[in-house]
Amino acid sequence: MANFGVFLVALAGPIARRVLLSLGLGVVSYAGLALIAEQVKTAVVDNYGALSGNVLDLLNLLGAGQAIGIVLGAIIARAAFAAIARIGVMSS
């Protein structure tokens, strides 16, 4: 029975190490992606809000605010999928 315990400890060590490494890499990747996304969103919203009143009203009437949100969401989703693909290739 002692050999079985040694086997379990030897097996659990590398598995726990891989899990903790994966979680750490995921947290760092997400934090970096979230930081970049927030900076891009802030820059776009600031420049959009700097437009003159009539132009801003016309763009809002045309749905430019929603379009900006959709485009930024698509860019963030694409970057997240690219990061996941790279992480998958590196870990295998």
PDB file of N, CA and C in Angstrom:
ATOM      1  N   MET A   1       0.815  -1.188   0.000  1.00  0.00           N
ATOM      2  CA  MET A   1       0.000   0.000   0.000  1.00  0.00           C
ATOM      3  C   MET A   1       0.865   1.260   0.000  1.00  0.00           C
ATOM      4  N   ALA A   2       2.058   1.178   0.581  1.00  0.00           N
ATOM      5  CA  ALA A   2       2.945   2.335   0.617  1.00  0.00           C
ATOM      6  C   ALA A   2       3.390   2.718  -0.784  1.00  0.00           C
ATOM      7  N   ASN A   3       3.600   1.735  -1.649  1.00  0.00           N
ATOM      8  CA  ASN A   3       3.994   2.028  -3.023  1.00  0.00           C
ATOM      9  C   ASN A   3       2.888   2.766  -3.775  1.00  0.00           C
ATOM     10  N   PHE A   4       1.643   2.414  -3.469  1.00  0.00           N
ATOM     11  CA  PHE A   4       0.517   3.068  -4.120  1.00  0.00           C
ATOM     12  C   PHE A   4       0.450   4.542  -3.712  1.00  0.00           C
ATOM     13  N   GLY A   5       0.723   4.835  -2.430  1.00  0.00           N
ATOM     14  CA  GLY A   5       0.741   6.223  -1.956  1.00  0.00           C
ATOM     15  C   GLY A   5       1.832   7.025  -2.621  1.00  0.00           C
ATOM     16  N   VAL A   6       3.005   6.431  -2.762  1.00  0.00           N
ATOM     17  CA  VAL A   6       4.119   7.105  -3.444  1.00  0.00           C
ATOM     18  C   VAL A   6       3.751   7.365  -4.901  1.00  0.00           C
ATOM     19  N   PHE A   7       3.086   6.401  -5.516  1.00  0.00           N
ATOM     20  CA  PHE A   7       2.650   6.555  -6.903  1.00  0.00           C
ATOM     21  C   PHE A   7       1.677   7.729  -7.042  1.00  0.00           C
ATOM     22  N   LEU A   8       0.717   7.829  -6.112  1.00  0.00           N
ATOM     23  CA  LEU A   8      -0.266   8.912  -6.178  1.00  0.00           C
ATOM     24  C   LEU A   8       0.388  10.279  -5.983  1.00  0.00           C
ATOM     25  N   VAL A   9       1.318  10.364  -5.057  1.00  0.00           N
ATOM     26  CA  VAL A   9       2.017  11.633  -4.833  1.00  0.00           C
ATOM     27  C   VAL A   9       2.847  12.002  -6.060  1.00  0.00           C
ATOM     28  N   ALA A  10       3.515  11.027  -6.658  1.00  0.00           N
ATOM     29  CA  ALA A  10       4.317  11.282  -7.849  1.00  0.00           C
ATOM     30  C   ALA A  10       3.442  11.690  -9.031  1.00  0.00           C
ATOM     31  N   LEU A  11       2.237  11.160  -9.085  1.00  0.00           N
ATOM     32  CA  LEU A  11       1.319  11.482 -10.176  1.00  0.00           C
ATOM     33  C   LEU A  11       0.667  12.843  -9.961  1.00  0.00           C
ATOM     34  N   ALA A  12       0.324  13.170  -8.729  1.00  0.00           N
ATOM     35  CA  ALA A  12      -0.393  14.406  -8.440  1.00  0.00           C
ATOM     36  C   ALA A  12       0.491  15.643  -8.580  1.00  0.00           C
ATOM     37  N   GLY A  13       1.766  15.519  -8.319  1.00  0.00           N
ATOM     38  CA  GLY A  13       2.673  16.670  -8.387  1.00  0.00           C
ATOM     39  C   GLY A  13       2.713  17.315  -9.762  1.00  0.00           C
ATOM     40  N   PRO A  14       3.046  16.562 -10.809  1.00  0.00           N
ATOM     41  CA  PRO A  14       3.082  17.174 -12.147  1.00  0.00           C
ATOM     42  C   PRO A  14       1.719  17.666 -12.632  1.00  0.00           C
ATOM     43  N   ILE A  15       0.655  16.972 -12.272  1.00  0.00           N
ATOM     44  CA  ILE A  15      -0.683  17.398 -12.692  1.00  0.00           C
ATOM     45  C   ILE A  15      -1.031  18.728 -12.025  1.00  0.00           C
ATOM     46  N   ALA A  16      -0.772  18.831 -10.736  1.00  0.00           N
ATOM     47  CA  ALA A  16      -1.051  20.083 -10.028  1.00  0.00           C
ATOM     48  C   ALA A  16      -0.211  21.225 -10.593  1.00  0.00           C
ATOM     49  N   ARG A  17       1.023  20.934 -10.914  1.00  0.00           N
ATOM     50  CA  ARG A  17       1.912  21.946 -11.494  1.00  0.00           C
ATOM     51  C   ARG A  17       1.367  22.441 -12.826  1.00  0.00           C
ATOM     52  N   ARG A  18       0.914  21.534 -13.685  1.00  0.00           N
ATOM     53  CA  ARG A  18       0.372  21.923 -14.991  1.00  0.00           C
ATOM     54  C   ARG A  18      -0.902  22.743 -14.840  1.00  0.00           C
ATOM     55  N   VAL A  19      -1.753  22.355 -13.900  1.00  0.00           N
ATOM     56  CA  VAL A  19      -2.996  23.095 -13.677  1.00  0.00           C
ATOM     57  C   VAL A  19      -2.697  24.508 -13.200  1.00  0.00           C
ATOM     58  N   LEU A  20      -1.795  24.640 -12.234  1.00  0.00           N
ATOM     59  CA  LEU A  20      -1.456  25.966 -11.721  1.00  0.00           C
ATOM     60  C   LEU A  20      -0.781  26.817 -12.788  1.00  0.00           C
ATOM     61  N   LEU A  21       0.075  26.232 -13.603  1.00  0.00           N
ATOM     62  CA  LEU A  21       0.690  26.973 -14.699  1.00  0.00           C
ATOM     63  C   LEU A  21      -0.362  27.438 -15.704  1.00  0.00           C
ATOM     64  N   SER A  22      -1.298  26.577 -16.028  1.00  0.00           N
ATOM     65  CA  SER A  22      -2.351  26.935 -16.976  1.00  0.00           C
ATOM     66  C   SER A  22      -3.189  28.076 -16.442  1.00  0.00           C
ATOM     67  N   LEU A  23      -3.561  28.009 -15.179  1.00  0.00           N
ATOM     68  CA  LEU A  23      -4.365  29.074 -14.585  1.00  0.00           C
ATOM     69  C   LEU A  23      -3.600  30.388 -14.558  1.00  0.00           C
ATOM     70  N   GLY A  24      -2.338  30.327 -14.230  1.00  0.00           N
ATOM     71  CA  GLY A  24      -1.523  31.542 -14.198  1.00  0.00           C
ATOM     72  C   GLY A  24      -1.394  32.167 -15.560  1.00  0.00           C
ATOM     73  N   LEU A  25      -1.166  31.353 -16.579  1.00  0.00           N
ATOM     74  CA  LEU A  25      -1.041  31.861 -17.936  1.00  0.00           C
ATOM     75  C   LEU A  25      -2.362  32.453 -18.394  1.00  0.00           C
ATOM     76  N   GLY A  26      -3.467  31.814 -18.037  1.00  0.00           N
ATOM     77  CA  GLY A  26      -4.778  32.320 -18.420  1.00  0.00           C
ATOM     78  C   GLY A  26      -5.086  33.650 -17.774  1.00  0.00           C
ATOM     79  N   VAL A  27      -4.747  33.805 -16.499  1.00  0.00           N
ATOM     80  CA  VAL A  27      -5.003  35.058 -15.791  1.00  0.00           C
ATOM     81  C   VAL A  27      -4.167  36.180 -16.373  1.00  0.00           C
ATOM     82  N   VAL A  28      -2.894  35.912 -16.654  1.00  0.00           N
ATOM     83  CA  VAL A  28      -2.019  36.932 -17.229  1.00  0.00           C
ATOM     84  C   VAL A  28      -2.500  37.310 -18.620  1.00  0.00           C
ATOM     85  N   SER A  29      -2.866  36.340 -19.434  1.00  0.00           N
ATOM     86  CA  SER A  29      -3.345  36.623 -20.788  1.00  0.00           C
ATOM     87  C   SER A  29      -4.626  37.442 -20.750  1.00  0.00           C
ATOM     88  N   TYR A  30      -5.556  37.063 -19.872  1.00  0.00           N
ATOM     89  CA  TYR A  30      -6.817  37.789 -19.777  1.00  0.00           C
ATOM     90  C   TYR A  30      -6.588  39.208 -19.285  1.00  0.00           C
ATOM     91  N   ALA A  31      -5.715  39.379 -18.313  1.00  0.00           N
ATOM     92  CA  ALA A  31      -5.451  40.715 -17.770  1.00  0.00           C
ATOM     93  C   ALA A  31      -4.854  41.613 -18.847  1.00  0.00           C
ATOM     94  N   GLY A  32      -3.941  41.088 -19.634  1.00  0.00           N
ATOM     95  CA  GLY A  32      -3.348  41.873 -20.722  1.00  0.00           C
ATOM     96  C   GLY A  32      -4.361  42.228 -21.790  1.00  0.00           C
ATOM     97  N   LEU A  33      -5.186  41.264 -22.164  1.00  0.00           N
ATOM     98  CA  LEU A  33      -6.209  41.507 -23.183  1.00  0.00           C
ATOM     99  C   LEU A  33      -7.240  42.511 -22.677  1.00  0.00           C
ATOM    100  N   ALA A  34      -7.639  42.402 -21.427  1.00  0.00           N
ATOM    101  CA  ALA A  34      -8.616  43.334 -20.859  1.00  0.00           C
ATOM    102  C   ALA A  34      -8.051  44.750 -20.785  1.00  0.00           C
ATOM    103  N   LEU A  35      -6.779  44.876 -20.461  1.00  0.00           N
ATOM    104  CA  LEU A  35      -6.141  46.196 -20.382  1.00  0.00           C
ATOM    105  C   LEU A  35      -6.103  46.857 -21.758  1.00  0.00           C
ATOM    106  N   ILE A  36      -5.692  46.112 -22.769  1.00  0.00           N
ATOM    107  CA  ILE A  36      -5.632  46.662 -24.125  1.00  0.00           C
ATOM    108  C   ILE A  36      -7.027  47.014 -24.625  1.00  0.00           C
ATOM    109  N   ALA A  37      -7.998  46.152 -24.379  1.00  0.00           N
ATOM    110  CA  ALA A  37      -9.366  46.407 -24.828  1.00  0.00           C
ATOM    111  C   ALA A  37      -9.927  47.663 -24.169  1.00  0.00           C
ATOM    112  N   GLU A  38      -9.659  47.846 -22.895  1.00  0.00           N
ATOM    113  CA  GLU A  38     -10.154  49.028 -22.190  1.00  0.00           C
ATOM    114  C   GLU A  38      -9.524  50.302 -22.742  1.00  0.00           C
ATOM    115  N   GLN A  39      -8.237  50.260 -23.069  1.00  0.00           N
ATOM    116  CA  GLN A  39      -7.568  51.439 -23.623  1.00  0.00           C
ATOM    117  C   GLN A  39      -8.116  51.792 -25.004  1.00  0.00           C
ATOM    118  N   VAL A  40      -8.351  50.789 -25.835  1.00  0.00           N
ATOM    119  CA  VAL A  40      -8.906  51.038 -27.168  1.00  0.00           C
ATOM    120  C   VAL A  40     -10.312  51.604 -27.050  1.00  0.00           C
ATOM    121  N   LYS A  41     -11.123  51.006 -26.182  1.00  0.00           N
ATOM    122  CA  LYS A  41     -12.499  51.479 -25.998  1.00  0.00           C
ATOM    123  C   LYS A  41     -12.514  52.920 -25.503  1.00  0.00           C
ATOM    124  N   THR A  42     -11.654  53.246 -24.566  1.00  0.00           N
ATOM    125  CA  THR A  42     -11.591  54.604 -24.035  1.00  0.00           C
ATOM    126  C   THR A  42     -11.192  55.601 -25.122  1.00  0.00           C
ATOM    127  N   ALA A  43     -10.209  55.240 -25.941  1.00  0.00           N
ATOM    128  CA  ALA A  43      -9.777  56.135 -27.019  1.00  0.00           C
ATOM    129  C   ALA A  43     -10.893  56.362 -28.037  1.00  0.00           C
ATOM    130  N   VAL A  44     -11.598  55.302 -28.411  1.00  0.00           N
ATOM    131  CA  VAL A  44     -12.678  55.435 -29.398  1.00  0.00           C
ATOM    132  C   VAL A  44     -13.817  56.272 -28.829  1.00  0.00           C
ATOM    133  N   VAL A  45     -14.224  56.000 -27.599  1.00  0.00           N
ATOM    134  CA  VAL A  45     -15.336  56.744 -26.992  1.00  0.00           C
ATOM    135  C   VAL A  45     -14.963  58.211 -26.793  1.00  0.00           C
ATOM    136  N   ASP A  46     -13.735  58.496 -26.383  1.00  0.00           N
ATOM    137  CA  ASP A  46     -13.305  59.887 -26.204  1.00  0.00           C
ATOM    138  C   ASP A  46     -13.337  60.645 -27.523  1.00  0.00           C
ATOM    139  N   ASN A  47     -12.828  60.031 -28.587  1.00  0.00           N
ATOM    140  CA  ASN A  47     -12.826  60.692 -29.889  1.00  0.00           C
ATOM    141  C   ASN A  47     -14.236  60.822 -30.455  1.00  0.00           C
ATOM    142  N   TYR A  48     -15.082  59.858 -30.202  1.00  0.00           N
ATOM    143  CA  TYR A  48     -16.472  59.916 -30.657  1.00  0.00           C
ATOM    144  C   TYR A  48     -17.220  61.034 -29.940  1.00  0.00           C
ATOM    145  N   GLY A  49     -16.966  61.190 -28.667  1.00  0.00           N
ATOM    146  CA  GLY A  49     -17.617  62.239 -27.894  1.00  0.00           C
ATOM    147  C   GLY A  49     -17.089  63.628 -28.186  1.00  0.00           C
ATOM    148  N   ALA A  50     -15.927  63.737 -28.819  1.00  0.00           N
ATOM    149  CA  ALA A  50     -15.334  65.034 -29.136  1.00  0.00           C
ATOM    150  C   ALA A  50     -15.923  65.650 -30.403  1.00  0.00           C
ATOM    151  N   LEU A  51     -16.787  64.937 -31.096  1.00  0.00           N
ATOM    152  CA  LEU A  51     -17.403  65.479 -32.310  1.00  0.00           C
ATOM    153  C   LEU A  51     -18.369  66.606 -31.962  1.00  0.00           C
ATOM    154  N   SER A  52     -18.636  67.466 -32.942  1.00  0.00           N
ATOM    155  CA  SER A  52     -19.563  68.573 -32.695  1.00  0.00           C
ATOM    156  C   SER A  52     -20.984  68.045 -32.507  1.00  0.00           C
ATOM    157  N   GLY A  53     -21.838  68.863 -31.937  1.00  0.00           N
ATOM    158  CA  GLY A  53     -23.190  68.448 -31.559  1.00  0.00           C
ATOM    159  C   GLY A  53     -24.029  67.920 -32.707  1.00  0.00           C
ATOM    160  N   ASN A  54     -24.078  68.631 -33.833  1.00  0.00           N
ATOM    161  CA  ASN A  54     -24.923  68.206 -34.953  1.00  0.00           C
ATOM    162  C   ASN A  54     -24.420  66.908 -35.581  1.00  0.00           C
ATOM    163  N   VAL A  55     -23.117  66.807 -35.746  1.00  0.00           N
ATOM    164  CA  VAL A  55     -22.541  65.589 -36.336  1.00  0.00           C
ATOM    165  C   VAL A  55     -22.773  64.406 -35.406  1.00  0.00           C
ATOM    166  N   LEU A  56     -22.608  64.620 -34.121  1.00  0.00           N
ATOM    167  CA  LEU A  56     -22.812  63.568 -33.137  1.00  0.00           C
ATOM    168  C   LEU A  56     -24.274  63.111 -33.113  1.00  0.00           C
ATOM    169  N   ASP A  57     -25.204  64.072 -33.204  1.00  0.00           N
ATOM    170  CA  ASP A  57     -26.620  63.721 -33.256  1.00  0.00           C
ATOM    171  C   ASP A  57     -26.947  62.888 -34.488  1.00  0.00           C
ATOM    172  N   LEU A  58     -26.399  63.273 -35.623  1.00  0.00           N
ATOM    173  CA  LEU A  58     -26.652  62.540 -36.861  1.00  0.00           C
ATOM    174  C   LEU A  58     -26.072  61.125 -36.789  1.00  0.00           C
ATOM    175  N   LEU A  59     -24.860  61.000 -36.278  1.00  0.00           N
ATOM    176  CA  LEU A  59     -24.247  59.676 -36.152  1.00  0.00           C
ATOM    177  C   LEU A  59     -25.018  58.792 -35.176  1.00  0.00           C
ATOM    178  N   ASN A  60     -25.495  59.381 -34.091  1.00  0.00           N
ATOM    179  CA  ASN A  60     -26.295  58.605 -33.138  1.00  0.00           C
ATOM    180  C   ASN A  60     -27.611  58.169 -33.761  1.00  0.00           C
ATOM    181  N   LEU A  61     -28.200  59.029 -34.589  1.00  0.00           N
ATOM    182  CA  LEU A  61     -29.432  58.681 -35.277  1.00  0.00           C
ATOM    183  C   LEU A  61     -29.212  57.530 -36.250  1.00  0.00           C
ATOM    184  N   LEU A  62     -28.033  57.491 -36.856  1.00  0.00           N
ATOM    185  CA  LEU A  62     -27.694  56.424 -37.805  1.00  0.00           C
ATOM    186  C   LEU A  62     -27.248  55.134 -37.119  1.00  0.00           C
ATOM    187  N   GLY A  63     -27.044  55.172 -35.812  1.00  0.00           N
ATOM    188  CA  GLY A  63     -26.658  53.971 -35.083  1.00  0.00           C
ATOM    189  C   GLY A  63     -25.156  53.733 -35.032  1.00  0.00           C
ATOM    190  N   ALA A  64     -24.374  54.794 -35.141  1.00  0.00           N
ATOM    191  CA  ALA A  64     -22.919  54.646 -35.127  1.00  0.00           C
ATOM    192  C   ALA A  64     -22.415  54.134 -33.773  1.00  0.00           C
ATOM    193  N   GLY A  65     -23.090  54.504 -32.698  1.00  0.00           N
ATOM    194  CA  GLY A  65     -22.674  54.030 -31.374  1.00  0.00           C
ATOM    195  C   GLY A  65     -22.777  52.524 -31.256  1.00  0.00           C
ATOM    196  N   GLN A  66     -23.875  51.964 -31.747  1.00  0.00           N
ATOM    197  CA  GLN A  66     -24.051  50.507 -31.738  1.00  0.00           C
ATOM    198  C   GLN A  66     -23.046  49.835 -32.660  1.00  0.00           C
ATOM    199  N   ALA A  67     -22.780  50.459 -33.799  1.00  0.00           N
ATOM    200  CA  ALA A  67     -21.818  49.883 -34.744  1.00  0.00           C
ATOM    201  C   ALA A  67     -20.417  49.840 -34.134  1.00  0.00           C
ATOM    202  N   ILE A  68     -20.047  50.887 -33.420  1.00  0.00           N
ATOM    203  CA  ILE A  68     -18.736  50.911 -32.757  1.00  0.00           C
ATOM    204  C   ILE A  68     -18.664  49.796 -31.720  1.00  0.00           C
ATOM    205  N   GLY A  69     -19.739  49.608 -30.963  1.00  0.00           N
ATOM    206  CA  GLY A  69     -19.770  48.531 -29.965  1.00  0.00           C
ATOM    207  C   GLY A  69     -19.642  47.159 -30.598  1.00  0.00           C
ATOM    208  N   ILE A  70     -20.319  46.946 -31.714  1.00  0.00           N
ATOM    209  CA  ILE A  70     -20.245  45.657 -32.406  1.00  0.00           C
ATOM    210  C   ILE A  70     -18.841  45.414 -32.943  1.00  0.00           C
ATOM    211  N   VAL A  71     -18.241  46.419 -33.553  1.00  0.00           N
ATOM    212  CA  VAL A  71     -16.888  46.267 -34.112  1.00  0.00           C
ATOM    213  C   VAL A  71     -15.869  46.022 -33.010  1.00  0.00           C
ATOM    214  N   LEU A  72     -15.950  46.785 -31.914  1.00  0.00           N
ATOM    215  CA  LEU A  72     -15.005  46.564 -30.808  1.00  0.00           C
ATOM    216  C   LEU A  72     -15.188  45.183 -30.189  1.00  0.00           C
ATOM    217  N   GLY A  73     -16.432  44.728 -30.058  1.00  0.00           N
ATOM    218  CA  GLY A  73     -16.682  43.384 -29.541  1.00  0.00           C
ATOM    219  C   GLY A  73     -16.103  42.305 -30.442  1.00  0.00           C
ATOM    220  N   ALA A  74     -16.220  42.506 -31.754  1.00  0.00           N
ATOM    221  CA  ALA A  74     -15.666  41.537 -32.701  1.00  0.00           C
ATOM    222  C   ALA A  74     -14.143  41.503 -32.642  1.00  0.00           C
ATOM    223  N   ILE A  75     -13.530  42.653 -32.510  1.00  0.00           N
ATOM    224  CA  ILE A  75     -12.064  42.715 -32.418  1.00  0.00           C
ATOM    225  C   ILE A  75     -11.578  42.013 -31.153  1.00  0.00           C
ATOM    226  N   ILE A  76     -12.250  42.250 -30.037  1.00  0.00           N
ATOM    227  CA  ILE A  76     -11.861  41.625 -28.770  1.00  0.00           C
ATOM    228  C   ILE A  76     -12.058  40.106 -28.847  1.00  0.00           C
ATOM    229  N   ALA A  77     -13.173  39.671 -29.439  1.00  0.00           N
ATOM    230  CA  ALA A  77     -13.414  38.231 -29.576  1.00  0.00           C
ATOM    231  C   ALA A  77     -12.355  37.586 -30.457  1.00  0.00           C
ATOM    232  N   ARG A  78     -11.991  38.238 -31.548  1.00  0.00           N
ATOM    233  CA  ARG A  78     -10.963  37.699 -32.451  1.00  0.00           C
ATOM    234  C   ARG A  78      -9.615  37.600 -31.736  1.00  0.00           C
ATOM    235  N   ALA A  79      -9.267  38.626 -30.970  1.00  0.00           N
ATOM    236  CA  ALA A  79      -8.007  38.596 -30.229  1.00  0.00           C
ATOM    237  C   ALA A  79      -8.017  37.492 -29.179  1.00  0.00           C
ATOM    238  N   ALA A  80      -9.153  37.286 -28.527  1.00  0.00           N
ATOM    239  CA  ALA A  80      -9.247  36.224 -27.521  1.00  0.00           C
ATOM    240  C   ALA A  80      -9.092  34.846 -28.159  1.00  0.00           C
ATOM    241  N   PHE A  81      -9.740  34.640 -29.306  1.00  0.00           N
ATOM    242  CA  PHE A  81      -9.601  33.351 -29.992  1.00  0.00           C
ATOM    243  C   PHE A  81      -8.175  33.123 -30.485  1.00  0.00           C
ATOM    244  N   ALA A  82      -7.524  34.183 -30.953  1.00  0.00           N
ATOM    245  CA  ALA A  82      -6.128  34.046 -31.395  1.00  0.00           C
ATOM    246  C   ALA A  82      -5.224  33.711 -30.214  1.00  0.00           C
ATOM    247  N   ALA A  83      -5.468  34.334 -29.061  1.00  0.00           N
ATOM    248  CA  ALA A  83      -4.659  34.047 -27.869  1.00  0.00           C
ATOM    249  C   ALA A  83      -4.871  32.620 -27.407  1.00  0.00           C
ATOM    250  N   ILE A  84      -6.103  32.144 -27.444  1.00  0.00           N
ATOM    251  CA  ILE A  84      -6.386  30.771 -27.043  1.00  0.00           C
ATOM    252  C   ILE A  84      -5.700  29.783 -27.984  1.00  0.00           C
ATOM    253  N   ALA A  85      -5.730  30.086 -29.272  1.00  0.00           N
ATOM    254  CA  ALA A  85      -5.086  29.188 -30.244  1.00  0.00           C
ATOM    255  C   ALA A  85      -3.585  29.117 -30.012  1.00  0.00           C
ATOM    256  N   ARG A  86      -2.960  30.247 -29.735  1.00  0.00           N
ATOM    257  CA  ARG A  86      -1.512  30.259 -29.504  1.00  0.00           C
ATOM    258  C   ARG A  86      -1.155  29.521 -28.227  1.00  0.00           C
ATOM    259  N   ILE A  87      -1.943  29.716 -27.179  1.00  0.00           N
ATOM    260  CA  ILE A  87      -1.677  29.045 -25.918  1.00  0.00           C
ATOM    261  C   ILE A  87      -1.816  27.542 -26.102  1.00  0.00           C
ATOM    262  N   GLY A  88      -2.812  27.111 -26.875  1.00  0.00           N
ATOM    263  CA  GLY A  88      -3.001  25.700 -27.135  1.00  0.00           C
ATOM    264  C   GLY A  88      -1.829  25.091 -27.877  1.00  0.00           C
ATOM    265  N   VAL A  89      -1.266  25.849 -28.815  1.00  0.00           N
ATOM    266  CA  VAL A  89      -0.132  25.338 -29.579  1.00  0.00           C
ATOM    267  C   VAL A  89       1.114  25.282 -28.710  1.00  0.00           C
ATOM    268  N   MET A  90       1.310  26.263 -27.848  1.00  0.00           N
ATOM    269  CA  MET A  90       2.501  26.290 -27.003  1.00  0.00           C
ATOM    270  C   MET A  90       2.483  25.184 -25.962  1.00  0.00           C
ATOM    271  N   SER A  91       1.303  24.849 -25.436  1.00  0.00           N
ATOM    272  CA  SER A  91       1.260  23.878 -24.344  1.00  0.00           C
ATOM    273  C   SER A  91       1.320  22.436 -24.838  1.00  0.00           C
ATOM    274  N   SER A  92       1.089  22.198 -26.120  1.00  0.00           N
ATOM    275  CA  SER A  92       1.101  20.810 -26.583  1.00  0.00           C
ATOM    276  C   SER A  92       2.414  20.375 -27.145  1.00  0.00           C
TER     277      SER A  92
END
